[in-house]
PDB file of N, CA and C in Angstrom:
ATOM      1  N   MET A   1       0.826  -1.190   0.000  1.00  0.00           N
ATOM      2  CA  MET A   1       0.000   0.000   0.000  1.00  0.00           C
ATOM      3  C   MET A   1       0.869   1.252   0.000  1.00  0.00           C
ATOM      4  N   ASP A   2       2.035   1.169   0.623  1.00  0.00           N
ATOM      5  CA  ASP A   2       2.938   2.324   0.602  1.00  0.00           C
ATOM      6  C   ASP A   2       3.363   2.653  -0.824  1.00  0.00           C
ATOM      7  N   GLU A   3       3.602   1.615  -1.614  1.00  0.00           N
ATOM      8  CA  GLU A   3       4.005   1.846  -2.999  1.00  0.00           C
ATOM      9  C   GLU A   3       2.873   2.465  -3.812  1.00  0.00           C
ATOM     10  N   VAL A   4       1.643   2.051  -3.543  1.00  0.00           N
ATOM     11  CA  VAL A   4       0.487   2.631  -4.223  1.00  0.00           C
ATOM     12  C   VAL A   4       0.368   4.107  -3.849  1.00  0.00           C
ATOM     13  N   GLU A   5       0.505   4.409  -2.572  1.00  0.00           N
ATOM     14  CA  GLU A   5       0.424   5.802  -2.132  1.00  0.00           C
ATOM     15  C   GLU A   5       1.552   6.637  -2.745  1.00  0.00           C
ATOM     16  N   ASP A   6       2.754   6.085  -2.784  1.00  0.00           N
ATOM     17  CA  ASP A   6       3.876   6.808  -3.405  1.00  0.00           C
ATOM     18  C   ASP A   6       3.584   7.108  -4.875  1.00  0.00           C
ATOM     19  N   GLU A   7       3.043   6.123  -5.590  1.00  0.00           N
ATOM     20  CA  GLU A   7       2.720   6.316  -7.009  1.00  0.00           C
ATOM     21  C   GLU A   7       1.599   7.340  -7.171  1.00  0.00           C
ATOM     22  N   LEU A   8       0.614   7.300  -6.299  1.00  0.00           N
ATOM     23  CA  LEU A   8      -0.467   8.285  -6.337  1.00  0.00           C
ATOM     24  C   LEU A   8       0.099   9.687  -6.160  1.00  0.00           C
ATOM     25  N   ARG A   9       0.928   9.890  -5.160  1.00  0.00           N
ATOM     26  CA  ARG A   9       1.511  11.213  -4.901  1.00  0.00           C
ATOM     27  C   ARG A   9       2.370  11.681  -6.072  1.00  0.00           C
ATOM     28  N   ARG A  10       3.136  10.763  -6.657  1.00  0.00           N
ATOM     29  CA  ARG A  10       3.970  11.101  -7.814  1.00  0.00           C
ATOM     30  C   ARG A  10       3.093  11.573  -8.977  1.00  0.00           C
ATOM     31  N   ALA A  11       2.022  10.830  -9.242  1.00  0.00           N
ATOM     32  CA  ALA A  11       1.120  11.183 -10.338  1.00  0.00           C
ATOM     33  C   ALA A  11       0.440  12.522 -10.080  1.00  0.00           C
ATOM     34  N   GLN A  12       0.085  12.777  -8.838  1.00  0.00           N
ATOM     35  CA  GLN A  12      -0.558  14.055  -8.505  1.00  0.00           C
ATOM     36  C   GLN A  12       0.398  15.232  -8.703  1.00  0.00           C
ATOM     37  N   ARG A  13       1.682  15.020  -8.445  1.00  0.00           N
ATOM     38  CA  ARG A  13       2.667  16.084  -8.676  1.00  0.00           C
ATOM     39  C   ARG A  13       2.863  16.345 -10.160  1.00  0.00           C
ATOM     40  N   LEU A  14       2.819  15.285 -10.968  1.00  0.00           N
ATOM     41  CA  LEU A  14       3.142  15.401 -12.390  1.00  0.00           C
ATOM     42  C   LEU A  14       1.957  15.755 -13.281  1.00  0.00           C
ATOM     43  N   HIS A  15       0.744  15.375 -12.879  1.00  0.00           N
ATOM     44  CA  HIS A  15      -0.415  15.511 -13.757  1.00  0.00           C
ATOM     45  C   HIS A  15      -1.586  16.168 -13.033  1.00  0.00           C
ATOM     46  N   PRO A  16      -2.321  17.015 -13.753  1.00  0.00           N
ATOM     47  CA  PRO A  16      -3.508  17.618 -13.130  1.00  0.00           C
ATOM     48  C   PRO A  16      -4.590  16.563 -12.922  1.00  0.00           C
ATOM     49  N   PRO A  17      -5.576  16.874 -12.095  1.00  0.00           N
ATOM     50  CA  PRO A  17      -6.678  15.928 -11.873  1.00  0.00           C
ATOM     51  C   PRO A  17      -7.447  15.657 -13.171  1.00  0.00           C
ATOM     52  N   ALA A  18      -8.072  14.507 -13.238  1.00  0.00           N
ATOM     53  CA  ALA A  18      -8.965  14.197 -14.357  1.00  0.00           C
ATOM     54  C   ALA A  18     -10.148  15.158 -14.293  1.00  0.00           C
ATOM     55  N   HIS A  19     -10.656  15.523 -15.465  1.00  0.00           N
ATOM     56  CA  HIS A  19     -11.754  16.477 -15.535  1.00  0.00           C
ATOM     57  C   HIS A  19     -13.127  15.819 -15.599  1.00  0.00           C
ATOM     58  N   SER A  20     -13.150  14.518 -15.813  1.00  0.00           N
ATOM     59  CA  SER A  20     -14.433  13.825 -15.933  1.00  0.00           C
ATOM     60  C   SER A  20     -14.245  12.356 -15.613  1.00  0.00           C
ATOM     61  N   GLY A  21     -15.362  11.694 -15.417  1.00  0.00           N
ATOM     62  CA  GLY A  21     -15.318  10.250 -15.234  1.00  0.00           C
ATOM     63  C   GLY A  21     -14.747   9.549 -16.452  1.00  0.00           C
ATOM     64  N   HIS A  22     -15.067  10.075 -17.633  1.00  0.00           N
ATOM     65  CA  HIS A  22     -14.547   9.486 -18.867  1.00  0.00           C
ATOM     66  C   HIS A  22     -13.020   9.559 -18.907  1.00  0.00           C
ATOM     67  N   GLU A  23     -12.487  10.721 -18.547  1.00  0.00           N
ATOM     68  CA  GLU A  23     -11.033  10.883 -18.556  1.00  0.00           C
ATOM     69  C   GLU A  23     -10.385   9.985 -17.499  1.00  0.00           C
ATOM     70  N   GLY A  24     -10.973   9.937 -16.318  1.00  0.00           N
ATOM     71  CA  GLY A  24     -10.442   9.073 -15.269  1.00  0.00           C
ATOM     72  C   GLY A  24     -10.452   7.613 -15.673  1.00  0.00           C
ATOM     73  N   TRP A  25     -11.550   7.192 -16.308  1.00  0.00           N
ATOM     74  CA  TRP A  25     -11.643   5.820 -16.794  1.00  0.00           C
ATOM     75  C   TRP A  25     -10.563   5.537 -17.837  1.00  0.00           C
ATOM     76  N   ALA A  26     -10.344   6.488 -18.753  1.00  0.00           N
ATOM     77  CA  ALA A  26      -9.346   6.297 -19.807  1.00  0.00           C
ATOM     78  C   ALA A  26      -7.946   6.128 -19.212  1.00  0.00           C
ATOM     79  N   ILE A  27      -7.667   6.866 -18.155  1.00  0.00           N
ATOM     80  CA  ILE A  27      -6.359   6.747 -17.500  1.00  0.00           C
ATOM     81  C   ILE A  27      -6.202   5.355 -16.892  1.00  0.00           C
ATOM     82  N   ILE A  28      -7.238   4.879 -16.216  1.00  0.00           N
ATOM     83  CA  ILE A  28      -7.189   3.533 -15.630  1.00  0.00           C
ATOM     84  C   ILE A  28      -7.061   2.486 -16.727  1.00  0.00           C
ATOM     85  N   LYS A  29      -7.805   2.650 -17.820  1.00  0.00           N
ATOM     86  CA  LYS A  29      -7.737   1.677 -18.922  1.00  0.00           C
ATOM     87  C   LYS A  29      -6.331   1.627 -19.520  1.00  0.00           C
ATOM     88  N   GLU A  30      -5.713   2.786 -19.681  1.00  0.00           N
ATOM     89  CA  GLU A  30      -4.349   2.807 -20.209  1.00  0.00           C
ATOM     90  C   GLU A  30      -3.407   2.007 -19.311  1.00  0.00           C
ATOM     91  N   GLU A  31      -3.548   2.190 -18.007  1.00  0.00           N
ATOM     92  CA  GLU A  31      -2.716   1.433 -17.074  1.00  0.00           C
ATOM     93  C   GLU A  31      -3.049  -0.060 -17.122  1.00  0.00           C
ATOM     94  N   MET A  32      -4.329  -0.398 -17.257  1.00  0.00           N
ATOM     95  CA  MET A  32      -4.729  -1.808 -17.376  1.00  0.00           C
ATOM     96  C   MET A  32      -4.142  -2.429 -18.640  1.00  0.00           C
ATOM     97  N   ASP A  33      -4.144  -1.678 -19.731  1.00  0.00           N
ATOM     98  CA  ASP A  33      -3.559  -2.179 -20.979  1.00  0.00           C
ATOM     99  C   ASP A  33      -2.073  -2.470 -20.795  1.00  0.00           C
ATOM    100  N   GLU A  34      -1.377  -1.587 -20.077  1.00  0.00           N
ATOM    101  CA  GLU A  34       0.047  -1.810 -19.822  1.00  0.00           C
ATOM    102  C   GLU A  34       0.260  -3.028 -18.925  1.00  0.00           C
ATOM    103  N   LEU A  35      -0.611  -3.215 -17.945  1.00  0.00           N
ATOM    104  CA  LEU A  35      -0.535  -4.413 -17.105  1.00  0.00           C
ATOM    105  C   LEU A  35      -0.768  -5.661 -17.953  1.00  0.00           C
ATOM    106  N   TRP A  36      -1.751  -5.620 -18.831  1.00  0.00           N
ATOM    107  CA  TRP A  36      -2.054  -6.757 -19.688  1.00  0.00           C
ATOM    108  C   TRP A  36      -0.856  -7.106 -20.566  1.00  0.00           C
ATOM    109  N   GLU A  37      -0.160  -6.082 -21.094  1.00  0.00           N
ATOM    110  CA  GLU A  37       1.046  -6.337 -21.897  1.00  0.00           C
ATOM    111  C   GLU A  37       2.090  -7.073 -21.067  1.00  0.00           C
ATOM    112  N   ALA A  38       2.257  -6.681 -19.821  1.00  0.00           N
ATOM    113  CA  ALA A  38       3.230  -7.340 -18.948  1.00  0.00           C
ATOM    114  C   ALA A  38       2.810  -8.772 -18.647  1.00  0.00           C
ATOM    115  N   VAL A  39       1.524  -8.984 -18.406  1.00  0.00           N
ATOM    116  CA  VAL A  39       1.011 -10.326 -18.109  1.00  0.00           C
ATOM    117  C   VAL A  39       1.234 -11.251 -19.303  1.00  0.00           C
ATOM    118  N   ARG A  40       1.076 -10.719 -20.500  1.00  0.00           N
ATOM    119  CA  ARG A  40       1.186 -11.535 -21.714  1.00  0.00           C
ATOM    120  C   ARG A  40       2.619 -11.907 -22.076  1.00  0.00           C
ATOM    121  N   LEU A  41       3.609 -11.308 -21.415  1.00  0.00           N
ATOM    122  CA  LEU A  41       4.992 -11.681 -21.687  1.00  0.00           C
ATOM    123  C   LEU A  41       5.203 -13.154 -21.333  1.00  0.00           C
ATOM    124  N   LYS A  42       6.133 -13.768 -22.017  1.00  0.00           N
ATOM    125  CA  LYS A  42       6.459 -15.157 -21.681  1.00  0.00           C
ATOM    126  C   LYS A  42       6.942 -15.221 -20.241  1.00  0.00           C
ATOM    127  N   GLN A  43       6.587 -16.306 -19.564  1.00  0.00           N
ATOM    128  CA  GLN A  43       6.970 -16.460 -18.164  1.00  0.00           C
ATOM    129  C   GLN A  43       8.479 -16.439 -17.979  1.00  0.00           C
ATOM    130  N   SER A  44       9.218 -16.791 -19.021  1.00  0.00           N
ATOM    131  CA  SER A  44      10.677 -16.803 -18.924  1.00  0.00           C
ATOM    132  C   SER A  44      11.301 -15.436 -19.188  1.00  0.00           C
ATOM    133  N   THR A  45      10.496 -14.419 -19.496  1.00  0.00           N
ATOM    134  CA  THR A  45      11.021 -13.087 -19.764  1.00  0.00           C
ATOM    135  C   THR A  45      11.643 -12.506 -18.494  1.00  0.00           C
ATOM    136  N   PRO A  46      12.914 -12.119 -18.574  1.00  0.00           N
ATOM    137  CA  PRO A  46      13.550 -11.525 -17.388  1.00  0.00           C
ATOM    138  C   PRO A  46      12.801 -10.266 -16.935  1.00  0.00           C
ATOM    139  N   GLY A  47      12.572 -10.152 -15.640  1.00  0.00           N
ATOM    140  CA  GLY A  47      11.927  -8.971 -15.088  1.00  0.00           C
ATOM    141  C   GLY A  47      10.422  -8.925 -15.234  1.00  0.00           C
ATOM    142  N   ARG A  48       9.810 -10.001 -15.741  1.00  0.00           N
ATOM    143  CA  ARG A  48       8.362 -10.013 -15.962  1.00  0.00           C
ATOM    144  C   ARG A  48       7.582  -9.759 -14.670  1.00  0.00           C
ATOM    145  N   ALA A  49       7.940 -10.448 -13.605  1.00  0.00           N
ATOM    146  CA  ALA A  49       7.214 -10.292 -12.344  1.00  0.00           C
ATOM    147  C   ALA A  49       7.328  -8.857 -11.824  1.00  0.00           C
ATOM    148  N   ASP A  50       8.499  -8.267 -11.931  1.00  0.00           N
ATOM    149  CA  ASP A  50       8.676  -6.884 -11.487  1.00  0.00           C
ATOM    150  C   ASP A  50       7.845  -5.923 -12.331  1.00  0.00           C
ATOM    151  N   LYS A  51       7.801  -6.151 -13.639  1.00  0.00           N
ATOM    152  CA  LYS A  51       7.009  -5.288 -14.518  1.00  0.00           C
ATOM    153  C   LYS A  51       5.523  -5.420 -14.180  1.00  0.00           C
ATOM    154  N   MET A  52       5.050  -6.648 -13.980  1.00  0.00           N
ATOM    155  CA  MET A  52       3.646  -6.832 -13.615  1.00  0.00           C
ATOM    156  C   MET A  52       3.347  -6.112 -12.297  1.00  0.00           C
ATOM    157  N   ARG A  53       4.247  -6.235 -11.349  1.00  0.00           N
ATOM    158  CA  ARG A  53       4.053  -5.580 -10.046  1.00  0.00           C
ATOM    159  C   ARG A  53       3.976  -4.063 -10.205  1.00  0.00           C
ATOM    160  N   ARG A  54       4.912  -3.485 -10.962  1.00  0.00           N
ATOM    161  CA  ARG A  54       4.916  -2.034 -11.170  1.00  0.00           C
ATOM    162  C   ARG A  54       3.630  -1.568 -11.836  1.00  0.00           C
ATOM    163  N   GLU A  55       3.183  -2.314 -12.847  1.00  0.00           N
ATOM    164  CA  GLU A  55       1.963  -1.929 -13.555  1.00  0.00           C
ATOM    165  C   GLU A  55       0.738  -2.078 -12.664  1.00  0.00           C
ATOM    166  N   ALA A  56       0.698  -3.121 -11.845  1.00  0.00           N
ATOM    167  CA  ALA A  56      -0.432  -3.307 -10.933  1.00  0.00           C
ATOM    168  C   ALA A  56      -0.482  -2.178  -9.897  1.00  0.00           C
ATOM    169  N   ILE A  57       0.662  -1.735  -9.444  1.00  0.00           N
ATOM    170  CA  ILE A  57       0.716  -0.598  -8.518  1.00  0.00           C
ATOM    171  C   ILE A  57       0.159   0.646  -9.196  1.00  0.00           C
ATOM    172  N   GLN A  58       0.494   0.847 -10.462  1.00  0.00           N
ATOM    173  CA  GLN A  58      -0.031   2.006 -11.187  1.00  0.00           C
ATOM    174  C   GLN A  58      -1.538   1.910 -11.378  1.00  0.00           C
ATOM    175  N   VAL A  59      -2.042   0.723 -11.665  1.00  0.00           N
ATOM    176  CA  VAL A  59      -3.495   0.542 -11.789  1.00  0.00           C
ATOM    177  C   VAL A  59      -4.169   0.914 -10.468  1.00  0.00           C
ATOM    178  N   ALA A  60      -3.650   0.399  -9.375  1.00  0.00           N
ATOM    179  CA  ALA A  60      -4.243   0.678  -8.063  1.00  0.00           C
ATOM    180  C   ALA A  60      -4.178   2.166  -7.738  1.00  0.00           C
ATOM    181  N   ALA A  61      -3.050   2.789  -8.021  1.00  0.00           N
ATOM    182  CA  ALA A  61      -2.899   4.217  -7.727  1.00  0.00           C
ATOM    183  C   ALA A  61      -3.869   5.053  -8.556  1.00  0.00           C
ATOM    184  N   MET A  62      -4.072   4.679  -9.814  1.00  0.00           N
ATOM    185  CA  MET A  62      -4.980   5.452 -10.666  1.00  0.00           C
ATOM    186  C   MET A  62      -6.440   5.217 -10.279  1.00  0.00           C
ATOM    187  N   ALA A  63      -6.748   4.048  -9.734  1.00  0.00           N
ATOM    188  CA  ALA A  63      -8.102   3.811  -9.226  1.00  0.00           C
ATOM    189  C   ALA A  63      -8.361   4.691  -8.002  1.00  0.00           C
ATOM    190  N   VAL A  64      -7.371   4.798  -7.129  1.00  0.00           N
ATOM    191  CA  VAL A  64      -7.504   5.689  -5.976  1.00  0.00           C
ATOM    192  C   VAL A  64      -7.587   7.138  -6.452  1.00  0.00           C
ATOM    193  N   ARG A  65      -6.778   7.492  -7.433  1.00  0.00           N
ATOM    194  CA  ARG A  65      -6.813   8.859  -7.971  1.00  0.00           C
ATOM    195  C   ARG A  65      -8.195   9.172  -8.526  1.00  0.00           C
ATOM    196  N   PHE A  66      -8.808   8.218  -9.205  1.00  0.00           N
ATOM    197  CA  PHE A  66     -10.165   8.400  -9.716  1.00  0.00           C
ATOM    198  C   PHE A  66     -11.098   8.789  -8.573  1.00  0.00           C
ATOM    199  N   LEU A  67     -11.017   8.057  -7.470  1.00  0.00           N
ATOM    200  CA  LEU A  67     -11.866   8.353  -6.314  1.00  0.00           C
ATOM    201  C   LEU A  67     -11.584   9.740  -5.744  1.00  0.00           C
ATOM    202  N   VAL A  68     -10.323  10.101  -5.658  1.00  0.00           N
ATOM    203  CA  VAL A  68      -9.938  11.400  -5.124  1.00  0.00           C
ATOM    204  C   VAL A  68     -10.430  12.524  -6.035  1.00  0.00           C
ATOM    205  N   ASP A  69     -10.290  12.327  -7.343  1.00  0.00           N
ATOM    206  CA  ASP A  69     -10.653  13.371  -8.314  1.00  0.00           C
ATOM    207  C   ASP A  69     -12.145  13.502  -8.545  1.00  0.00           C
ATOM    208  N   MET A  70     -12.942  12.522  -8.123  1.00  0.00           N
ATOM    209  CA  MET A  70     -14.366  12.501  -8.456  1.00  0.00           C
ATOM    210  C   MET A  70     -15.111  13.780  -8.072  1.00  0.00           C
ATOM    211  N   ASP A  71     -14.762  14.401  -6.982  1.00  0.00           N
ATOM    212  CA  ASP A  71     -15.467  15.613  -6.564  1.00  0.00           C
ATOM    213  C   ASP A  71     -15.386  16.728  -7.606  1.00  0.00           C
ATOM    214  N   GLY A  72     -14.317  16.738  -8.401  1.00  0.00           N
ATOM    215  CA  GLY A  72     -14.147  17.777  -9.399  1.00  0.00           C
ATOM    216  C   GLY A  72     -14.681  17.424 -10.772  1.00  0.00           C
ATOM    217  N   PHE A  73     -15.216  16.207 -10.947  1.00  0.00           N
ATOM    218  CA  PHE A  73     -15.712  15.800 -12.264  1.00  0.00           C
ATOM    219  C   PHE A  73     -16.891  16.675 -12.691  1.00  0.00           C
ATOM    220  N   GLN A  74     -16.890  17.044 -13.953  1.00  0.00           N
ATOM    221  CA  GLN A  74     -17.949  17.881 -14.493  1.00  0.00           C
ATOM    222  C   GLN A  74     -19.135  17.057 -14.996  1.00  0.00           C
ATOM    223  N   ASN A  75     -18.935  15.770 -15.204  1.00  0.00           N
ATOM    224  CA  ASN A  75     -20.042  14.912 -15.669  1.00  0.00           C
ATOM    225  C   ASN A  75     -20.004  13.570 -14.992  1.00  0.00           C
TER     226      ASN A  75
END
């Protein structure tokens, strides 16, 4: 959870809040797509587990960010 919080804080420093539910969803989907790419790597690919872990942390952080940003959504 500390890693998720660290990633959330990093993203908040680098990027403005999502402006809508659609935008927030698109951000989560992009992270899910990156996680899926990591999952699809061959099991023998060096660093696969670390990549999956990093991407899963980003998915979790962006889901939390969605919740945090919801108050400002216009739609």
